[in-house]
Amino acid sequence: MKTIFIAIFSILLGLNAVAGEFNILSFGAVADGKTMNTAFIQSAIDKANQSGGGIVLVPAGAFLTGSIVLKTGVELRLEKN
């Protein structure tokens, strides 16, 4: 029983270590309300998914986008404003 608990705890710690934050600005997104940012946002989502999951951060601003596809293990976080 103790071995199972240690194994599960280790797995959970490992998952937390893999998850990161992916700011769409780092992928080229521009918050001017005019630039189409779909490809930049999707790139951040894809990278988070390929990295084992994480948070895609959309900072405050006006980001123009079309349809995006969320993927397993990815959280889309929108900042206020």
PDB file of N, CA and C in Angstrom:
ATOM      1  N   MET A   1       0.828  -1.201   0.000  1.00  0.00           N
ATOM      2  CA  MET A   1       0.000   0.000   0.000  1.00  0.00           C
ATOM      3  C   MET A   1       0.868   1.259   0.000  1.00  0.00           C
ATOM      4  N   LYS A   2       1.927   1.230   0.817  1.00  0.00           N
ATOM      5  CA  LYS A   2       2.822   2.382   0.889  1.00  0.00           C
ATOM      6  C   LYS A   2       3.500   2.618  -0.459  1.00  0.00           C
ATOM      7  N   THR A   3       3.864   1.543  -1.155  1.00  0.00           N
ATOM      8  CA  THR A   3       4.524   1.652  -2.454  1.00  0.00           C
ATOM      9  C   THR A   3       3.583   2.282  -3.481  1.00  0.00           C
ATOM     10  N   ILE A   4       2.323   1.895  -3.458  1.00  0.00           N
ATOM     11  CA  ILE A   4       1.341   2.464  -4.393  1.00  0.00           C
ATOM     12  C   ILE A   4       1.181   3.960  -4.141  1.00  0.00           C
ATOM     13  N   PHE A   5       1.091   4.365  -2.871  1.00  0.00           N
ATOM     14  CA  PHE A   5       0.964   5.777  -2.528  1.00  0.00           C
ATOM     15  C   PHE A   5       2.164   6.567  -3.032  1.00  0.00           C
ATOM     16  N   ILE A   6       3.355   6.043  -2.833  1.00  0.00           N
ATOM     17  CA  ILE A   6       4.572   6.731  -3.281  1.00  0.00           C
ATOM     18  C   ILE A   6       4.587   6.840  -4.806  1.00  0.00           C
ATOM     19  N   ALA A   7       4.176   5.786  -5.499  1.00  0.00           N
ATOM     20  CA  ALA A   7       4.156   5.810  -6.962  1.00  0.00           C
ATOM     21  C   ALA A   7       3.172   6.850  -7.478  1.00  0.00           C
ATOM     22  N   ILE A   8       1.978   6.895  -6.912  1.00  0.00           N
ATOM     23  CA  ILE A   8       0.970   7.875  -7.334  1.00  0.00           C
ATOM     24  C   ILE A   8       1.445   9.288  -7.030  1.00  0.00           C
ATOM     25  N   PHE A   9       2.019   9.505  -5.861  1.00  0.00           N
ATOM     26  CA  PHE A   9       2.530  10.815  -5.478  1.00  0.00           C
ATOM     27  C   PHE A   9       3.628  11.263  -6.445  1.00  0.00           C
ATOM     28  N   SER A  10       4.509  10.354  -6.828  1.00  0.00           N
ATOM     29  CA  SER A  10       5.591  10.678  -7.759  1.00  0.00           C
ATOM     30  C   SER A  10       5.048  11.065  -9.125  1.00  0.00           C
ATOM     31  N   ILE A  11       4.023  10.344  -9.570  1.00  0.00           N
ATOM     32  CA  ILE A  11       3.411  10.654 -10.862  1.00  0.00           C
ATOM     33  C   ILE A  11       2.789  12.048 -10.830  1.00  0.00           C
ATOM     34  N   LEU A  12       2.074  12.346  -9.761  1.00  0.00           N
ATOM     35  CA  LEU A  12       1.448  13.671  -9.653  1.00  0.00           C
ATOM     36  C   LEU A  12       2.484  14.779  -9.632  1.00  0.00           C
ATOM     37  N   LEU A  13       3.563  14.579  -8.923  1.00  0.00           N
ATOM     38  CA  LEU A  13       4.634  15.580  -8.905  1.00  0.00           C
ATOM     39  C   LEU A  13       5.228  15.752 -10.294  1.00  0.00           C
ATOM     40  N   GLY A  14       5.390  14.665 -11.008  1.00  0.00           N
ATOM     41  CA  GLY A  14       5.932  14.716 -12.358  1.00  0.00           C
ATOM     42  C   GLY A  14       5.030  15.478 -13.301  1.00  0.00           C
ATOM     43  N   LEU A  15       3.722  15.298 -13.188  1.00  0.00           N
ATOM     44  CA  LEU A  15       2.788  16.018 -14.049  1.00  0.00           C
ATOM     45  C   LEU A  15       2.834  17.510 -13.782  1.00  0.00           C
ATOM     46  N   ASN A  16       2.950  17.881 -12.533  1.00  0.00           N
ATOM     47  CA  ASN A  16       3.034  19.303 -12.200  1.00  0.00           C
ATOM     48  C   ASN A  16       4.307  19.927 -12.730  1.00  0.00           C
ATOM     49  N   ALA A  17       5.379  19.170 -12.749  1.00  0.00           N
ATOM     50  CA  ALA A  17       6.656  19.691 -13.228  1.00  0.00           C
ATOM     51  C   ALA A  17       6.622  19.914 -14.747  1.00  0.00           C
ATOM     52  N   VAL A  18       5.841  19.084 -15.475  1.00  0.00           N
ATOM     53  CA  VAL A  18       5.772  19.185 -16.928  1.00  0.00           C
ATOM     54  C   VAL A  18       4.933  20.384 -17.356  1.00  0.00           C
ATOM     55  N   ALA A  19       3.833  20.606 -16.655  1.00  0.00           N
ATOM     56  CA  ALA A  19       2.919  21.680 -17.033  1.00  0.00           C
ATOM     57  C   ALA A  19       3.613  23.032 -16.941  1.00  0.00           C
ATOM     58  N   GLY A  20       3.453  23.833 -17.961  1.00  0.00           N
ATOM     59  CA  GLY A  20       4.056  25.153 -17.977  1.00  0.00           C
ATOM     60  C   GLY A  20       3.049  26.187 -18.437  1.00  0.00           C
ATOM     61  N   GLU A  21       3.527  27.396 -18.551  1.00  0.00           N
ATOM     62  CA  GLU A  21       2.684  28.490 -19.016  1.00  0.00           C
ATOM     63  C   GLU A  21       3.213  28.973 -20.357  1.00  0.00           C
ATOM     64  N   PHE A  22       2.314  29.167 -21.298  1.00  0.00           N
ATOM     65  CA  PHE A  22       2.662  29.555 -22.655  1.00  0.00           C
ATOM     66  C   PHE A  22       1.904  30.838 -22.990  1.00  0.00           C
ATOM     67  N   ASN A  23       2.602  31.962 -22.908  1.00  0.00           N
ATOM     68  CA  ASN A  23       2.011  33.270 -23.173  1.00  0.00           C
ATOM     69  C   ASN A  23       1.943  33.468 -24.682  1.00  0.00           C
ATOM     70  N   ILE A  24       0.764  33.805 -25.191  1.00  0.00           N
ATOM     71  CA  ILE A  24       0.613  33.940 -26.643  1.00  0.00           C
ATOM     72  C   ILE A  24       1.482  35.058 -27.227  1.00  0.00           C
ATOM     73  N   LEU A  25       1.864  36.026 -26.397  1.00  0.00           N
ATOM     74  CA  LEU A  25       2.754  37.089 -26.882  1.00  0.00           C
ATOM     75  C   LEU A  25       4.106  36.520 -27.299  1.00  0.00           C
ATOM     76  N   SER A  26       4.538  35.456 -26.633  1.00  0.00           N
ATOM     77  CA  SER A  26       5.807  34.805 -26.959  1.00  0.00           C
ATOM     78  C   SER A  26       5.745  34.077 -28.295  1.00  0.00           C
ATOM     79  N   PHE A  27       4.547  33.858 -28.801  1.00  0.00           N
ATOM     80  CA  PHE A  27       4.362  33.162 -30.074  1.00  0.00           C
ATOM     81  C   PHE A  27       4.053  34.140 -31.207  1.00  0.00           C
ATOM     82  N   GLY A  28       4.084  35.443 -30.898  1.00  0.00           N
ATOM     83  CA  GLY A  28       3.907  36.466 -31.926  1.00  0.00           C
ATOM     84  C   GLY A  28       2.588  37.208 -31.909  1.00  0.00           C
ATOM     85  N   ALA A  29       1.696  36.876 -30.980  1.00  0.00           N
ATOM     86  CA  ALA A  29       0.395  37.550 -30.929  1.00  0.00           C
ATOM     87  C   ALA A  29       0.551  39.033 -30.614  1.00  0.00           C
ATOM     88  N   VAL A  30      -0.352  39.833 -31.171  1.00  0.00           N
ATOM     89  CA  VAL A  30      -0.334  41.277 -30.988  1.00  0.00           C
ATOM     90  C   VAL A  30      -1.718  41.724 -30.517  1.00  0.00           C
ATOM     91  N   ALA A  31      -1.743  42.524 -29.450  1.00  0.00           N
ATOM     92  CA  ALA A  31      -3.010  42.960 -28.841  1.00  0.00           C
ATOM     93  C   ALA A  31      -3.465  44.315 -29.360  1.00  0.00           C
ATOM     94  N   ASP A  32      -3.560  44.442 -30.688  1.00  0.00           N
ATOM     95  CA  ASP A  32      -3.952  45.739 -31.245  1.00  0.00           C
ATOM     96  C   ASP A  32      -5.391  45.752 -31.764  1.00  0.00           C
ATOM     97  N   GLY A  33      -6.090  44.630 -31.681  1.00  0.00           N
ATOM     98  CA  GLY A  33      -7.463  44.559 -32.165  1.00  0.00           C
ATOM     99  C   GLY A  33      -7.577  44.520 -33.677  1.00  0.00           C
ATOM    100  N   LYS A  34      -6.452  44.476 -34.388  1.00  0.00           N
ATOM    101  CA  LYS A  34      -6.444  44.472 -35.852  1.00  0.00           C
ATOM    102  C   LYS A  34      -5.735  43.256 -36.430  1.00  0.00           C
ATOM    103  N   THR A  35      -4.682  42.809 -35.751  1.00  0.00           N
ATOM    104  CA  THR A  35      -3.876  41.689 -36.220  1.00  0.00           C
ATOM    105  C   THR A  35      -4.613  40.375 -35.986  1.00  0.00           C
ATOM    106  N   MET A  36      -4.676  39.511 -37.018  1.00  0.00           N
ATOM    107  CA  MET A  36      -5.289  38.193 -36.869  1.00  0.00           C
ATOM    108  C   MET A  36      -4.292  37.284 -36.139  1.00  0.00           C
ATOM    109  N   ASN A  37      -4.665  36.853 -34.941  1.00  0.00           N
ATOM    110  CA  ASN A  37      -3.771  36.104 -34.051  1.00  0.00           C
ATOM    111  C   ASN A  37      -4.066  34.605 -33.984  1.00  0.00           C
ATOM    112  N   THR A  38      -4.927  34.109 -34.847  1.00  0.00           N
ATOM    113  CA  THR A  38      -5.334  32.707 -34.780  1.00  0.00           C
ATOM    114  C   THR A  38      -4.140  31.757 -34.794  1.00  0.00           C
ATOM    115  N   ALA A  39      -3.222  31.930 -35.722  1.00  0.00           N
ATOM    116  CA  ALA A  39      -2.071  31.020 -35.848  1.00  0.00           C
ATOM    117  C   ALA A  39      -1.170  31.089 -34.612  1.00  0.00           C
ATOM    118  N   PHE A  40      -1.002  32.276 -34.032  1.00  0.00           N
ATOM    119  CA  PHE A  40      -0.154  32.424 -32.854  1.00  0.00           C
ATOM    120  C   PHE A  40      -0.771  31.725 -31.640  1.00  0.00           C
ATOM    121  N   ILE A  41      -2.072  31.885 -31.477  1.00  0.00           N
ATOM    122  CA  ILE A  41      -2.770  31.256 -30.353  1.00  0.00           C
ATOM    123  C   ILE A  41      -2.753  29.740 -30.527  1.00  0.00           C
ATOM    124  N   GLN A  42      -3.009  29.269 -31.746  1.00  0.00           N
ATOM    125  CA  GLN A  42      -3.003  27.822 -31.989  1.00  0.00           C
ATOM    126  C   GLN A  42      -1.620  27.240 -31.784  1.00  0.00           C
ATOM    127  N   SER A  43      -0.584  27.978 -32.142  1.00  0.00           N
ATOM    128  CA  SER A  43       0.792  27.510 -31.914  1.00  0.00           C
ATOM    129  C   SER A  43       1.075  27.332 -30.430  1.00  0.00           C
ATOM    130  N   ALA A  44       0.600  28.255 -29.617  1.00  0.00           N
ATOM    131  CA  ALA A  44       0.793  28.152 -28.172  1.00  0.00           C
ATOM    132  C   ALA A  44       0.035  26.942 -27.616  1.00  0.00           C
ATOM    133  N   ILE A  45      -1.180  26.717 -28.102  1.00  0.00           N
ATOM    134  CA  ILE A  45      -1.968  25.554 -27.681  1.00  0.00           C
ATOM    135  C   ILE A  45      -1.261  24.264 -28.077  1.00  0.00           C
ATOM    136  N   ASP A  46      -0.789  24.196 -29.309  1.00  0.00           N
ATOM    137  CA  ASP A  46      -0.100  23.002 -29.792  1.00  0.00           C
ATOM    138  C   ASP A  46       1.165  22.724 -28.987  1.00  0.00           C
ATOM    139  N   LYS A  47       1.929  23.764 -28.696  1.00  0.00           N
ATOM    140  CA  LYS A  47       3.169  23.600 -27.919  1.00  0.00           C
ATOM    141  C   LYS A  47       2.861  23.118 -26.500  1.00  0.00           C
ATOM    142  N   ALA A  48       1.836  23.670 -25.885  1.00  0.00           N
ATOM    143  CA  ALA A  48       1.449  23.226 -24.542  1.00  0.00           C
ATOM    144  C   ALA A  48       1.055  21.755 -24.561  1.00  0.00           C
ATOM    145  N   ASN A  49       0.299  21.359 -25.559  1.00  0.00           N
ATOM    146  CA  ASN A  49      -0.119  19.966 -25.684  1.00  0.00           C
ATOM    147  C   ASN A  49       1.083  19.046 -25.901  1.00  0.00           C
ATOM    148  N   GLN A  50       2.004  19.437 -26.769  1.00  0.00           N
ATOM    149  CA  GLN A  50       3.200  18.643 -27.051  1.00  0.00           C
ATOM    150  C   GLN A  50       4.107  18.539 -25.839  1.00  0.00           C
ATOM    151  N   SER A  51       4.024  19.518 -24.943  1.00  0.00           N
ATOM    152  CA  SER A  51       4.854  19.538 -23.734  1.00  0.00           C
ATOM    153  C   SER A  51       4.211  18.758 -22.591  1.00  0.00           C
ATOM    154  N   GLY A  52       3.111  18.101 -22.864  1.00  0.00           N
ATOM    155  CA  GLY A  52       2.444  17.324 -21.831  1.00  0.00           C
ATOM    156  C   GLY A  52       1.341  18.075 -21.117  1.00  0.00           C
ATOM    157  N   GLY A  53       1.007  19.253 -21.597  1.00  0.00           N
ATOM    158  CA  GLY A  53      -0.056  20.055 -21.003  1.00  0.00           C
ATOM    159  C   GLY A  53       0.477  21.336 -20.411  1.00  0.00           C
ATOM    160  N   GLY A  54      -0.433  22.233 -20.111  1.00  0.00           N
ATOM    161  CA  GLY A  54      -0.046  23.504 -19.518  1.00  0.00           C
ATOM    162  C   GLY A  54      -1.118  24.548 -19.711  1.00  0.00           C
ATOM    163  N   ILE A  55      -0.747  25.764 -19.395  1.00  0.00           N
ATOM    164  CA  ILE A  55      -1.664  26.901 -19.458  1.00  0.00           C
ATOM    165  C   ILE A  55      -1.263  27.790 -20.625  1.00  0.00           C
ATOM    166  N   VAL A  56      -2.223  28.090 -21.487  1.00  0.00           N
ATOM    167  CA  VAL A  56      -2.012  29.072 -22.544  1.00  0.00           C
ATOM    168  C   VAL A  56      -2.603  30.375 -22.024  1.00  0.00           C
ATOM    169  N   LEU A  57      -1.734  31.345 -21.843  1.00  0.00           N
ATOM    170  CA  LEU A  57      -2.134  32.622 -21.249  1.00  0.00           C
ATOM    171  C   LEU A  57      -2.427  33.653 -22.331  1.00  0.00           C
ATOM    172  N   VAL A  58      -3.628  34.210 -22.254  1.00  0.00           N
ATOM    173  CA  VAL A  58      -4.012  35.338 -23.111  1.00  0.00           C
ATOM    174  C   VAL A  58      -4.044  36.554 -22.194  1.00  0.00           C
ATOM    175  N   PRO A  59      -3.023  37.416 -22.291  1.00  0.00           N
ATOM    176  CA  PRO A  59      -2.972  38.578 -21.410  1.00  0.00           C
ATOM    177  C   PRO A  59      -4.043  39.606 -21.758  1.00  0.00           C
ATOM    178  N   ALA A  60      -4.188  40.601 -20.917  1.00  0.00           N
ATOM    179  CA  ALA A  60      -5.148  41.674 -21.166  1.00  0.00           C
ATOM    180  C   ALA A  60      -4.854  42.321 -22.515  1.00  0.00           C
ATOM    181  N   GLY A  61      -5.894  42.663 -23.238  1.00  0.00           N
ATOM    182  CA  GLY A  61      -5.724  43.303 -24.537  1.00  0.00           C
ATOM    183  C   GLY A  61      -6.813  42.857 -25.494  1.00  0.00           C
ATOM    184  N   ALA A  62      -6.772  43.387 -26.697  1.00  0.00           N
ATOM    185  CA  ALA A  62      -7.748  43.053 -27.732  1.00  0.00           C
ATOM    186  C   ALA A  62      -7.066  42.171 -28.769  1.00  0.00           C
ATOM    187  N   PHE A  63      -7.342  40.864 -28.716  1.00  0.00           N
ATOM    188  CA  PHE A  63      -6.733  39.900 -29.632  1.00  0.00           C
ATOM    189  C   PHE A  63      -7.789  39.410 -30.613  1.00  0.00           C
ATOM    190  N   LEU A  64      -7.590  39.695 -31.884  1.00  0.00           N
ATOM    191  CA  LEU A  64      -8.488  39.235 -32.931  1.00  0.00           C
ATOM    192  C   LEU A  64      -8.114  37.797 -33.286  1.00  0.00           C
ATOM    193  N   THR A  65      -9.113  36.897 -33.333  1.00  0.00           N
ATOM    194  CA  THR A  65      -8.839  35.502 -33.657  1.00  0.00           C
ATOM    195  C   THR A  65     -10.017  34.858 -34.350  1.00  0.00           C
ATOM    196  N   GLY A  66      -9.713  33.807 -35.101  1.00  0.00           N
ATOM    197  CA  GLY A  66     -10.734  32.951 -35.682  1.00  0.00           C
ATOM    198  C   GLY A  66     -10.886  31.731 -34.794  1.00  0.00           C
ATOM    199  N   SER A  67     -11.327  30.636 -35.381  1.00  0.00           N
ATOM    200  CA  SER A  67     -11.526  29.395 -34.626  1.00  0.00           C
ATOM    201  C   SER A  67     -10.194  28.797 -34.203  1.00  0.00           C
ATOM    202  N   ILE A  68     -10.163  28.310 -32.964  1.00  0.00           N
ATOM    203  CA  ILE A  68      -8.998  27.592 -32.441  1.00  0.00           C
ATOM    204  C   ILE A  68      -9.474  26.232 -31.956  1.00  0.00           C
ATOM    205  N   VAL A  69      -8.543  25.300 -31.839  1.00  0.00           N
ATOM    206  CA  VAL A  69      -8.854  23.952 -31.369  1.00  0.00           C
ATOM    207  C   VAL A  69      -8.096  23.714 -30.081  1.00  0.00           C
ATOM    208  N   LEU A  70      -8.839  23.564 -28.971  1.00  0.00           N
ATOM    209  CA  LEU A  70      -8.211  23.236 -27.698  1.00  0.00           C
ATOM    210  C   LEU A  70      -7.834  21.764 -27.702  1.00  0.00           C
ATOM    211  N   LYS A  71      -6.794  21.426 -26.958  1.00  0.00           N
ATOM    212  CA  LYS A  71      -6.313  20.049 -26.931  1.00  0.00           C
ATOM    213  C   LYS A  71      -6.202  19.547 -25.502  1.00  0.00           C
ATOM    214  N   THR A  72      -6.088  18.245 -25.375  1.00  0.00           N
ATOM    215  CA  THR A  72      -6.013  17.589 -24.079  1.00  0.00           C
ATOM    216  C   THR A  72      -4.884  18.161 -23.235  1.00  0.00           C
ATOM    217  N   GLY A  73      -5.197  18.446 -21.984  1.00  0.00           N
ATOM    218  CA  GLY A  73      -4.188  18.915 -21.030  1.00  0.00           C
ATOM    219  C   GLY A  73      -3.896  20.401 -21.114  1.00  0.00           C
ATOM    220  N   VAL A  74      -4.628  21.122 -21.953  1.00  0.00           N
ATOM    221  CA  VAL A  74      -4.366  22.545 -22.151  1.00  0.00           C
ATOM    222  C   VAL A  74      -5.492  23.371 -21.520  1.00  0.00           C
ATOM    223  N   GLU A  75      -5.090  24.321 -20.685  1.00  0.00           N
ATOM    224  CA  GLU A  75      -6.041  25.260 -20.090  1.00  0.00           C
ATOM    225  C   GLU A  75      -5.850  26.613 -20.760  1.00  0.00           C
ATOM    226  N   LEU A  76      -6.918  27.195 -21.265  1.00  0.00           N
ATOM    227  CA  LEU A  76      -6.864  28.524 -21.863  1.00  0.00           C
ATOM    228  C   LEU A  76      -7.249  29.526 -20.784  1.00  0.00           C
ATOM    229  N   ARG A  77      -6.305  30.371 -20.399  1.00  0.00           N
ATOM    230  CA  ARG A  77      -6.534  31.339 -19.319  1.00  0.00           C
ATOM    231  C   ARG A  77      -6.572  32.744 -19.904  1.00  0.00           C
ATOM    232  N   LEU A  78      -7.698  33.435 -19.721  1.00  0.00           N
ATOM    233  CA  LEU A  78      -7.872  34.798 -20.210  1.00  0.00           C
ATOM    234  C   LEU A  78      -7.760  35.774 -19.056  1.00  0.00           C
ATOM    235  N   GLU A  79      -6.826  36.719 -19.155  1.00  0.00           N
ATOM    236  CA  GLU A  79      -6.717  37.753 -18.129  1.00  0.00           C
ATOM    237  C   GLU A  79      -7.798  38.804 -18.336  1.00  0.00           C
ATOM    238  N   LYS A  80      -8.172  39.450 -17.261  1.00  0.00           N
ATOM    239  CA  LYS A  80      -9.201  40.487 -17.296  1.00  0.00           C
ATOM    240  C   LYS A  80      -8.746  41.666 -18.178  1.00  0.00           C
ATOM    241  N   ASN A  81      -9.695  42.250 -18.876  1.00  0.00           N
ATOM    242  CA  ASN A  81      -9.492  43.392 -19.767  1.00  0.00           C
ATOM    243  C   ASN A  81      -8.786  42.965 -21.041  1.00  0.00           C
TER     244      ASN A  81
END
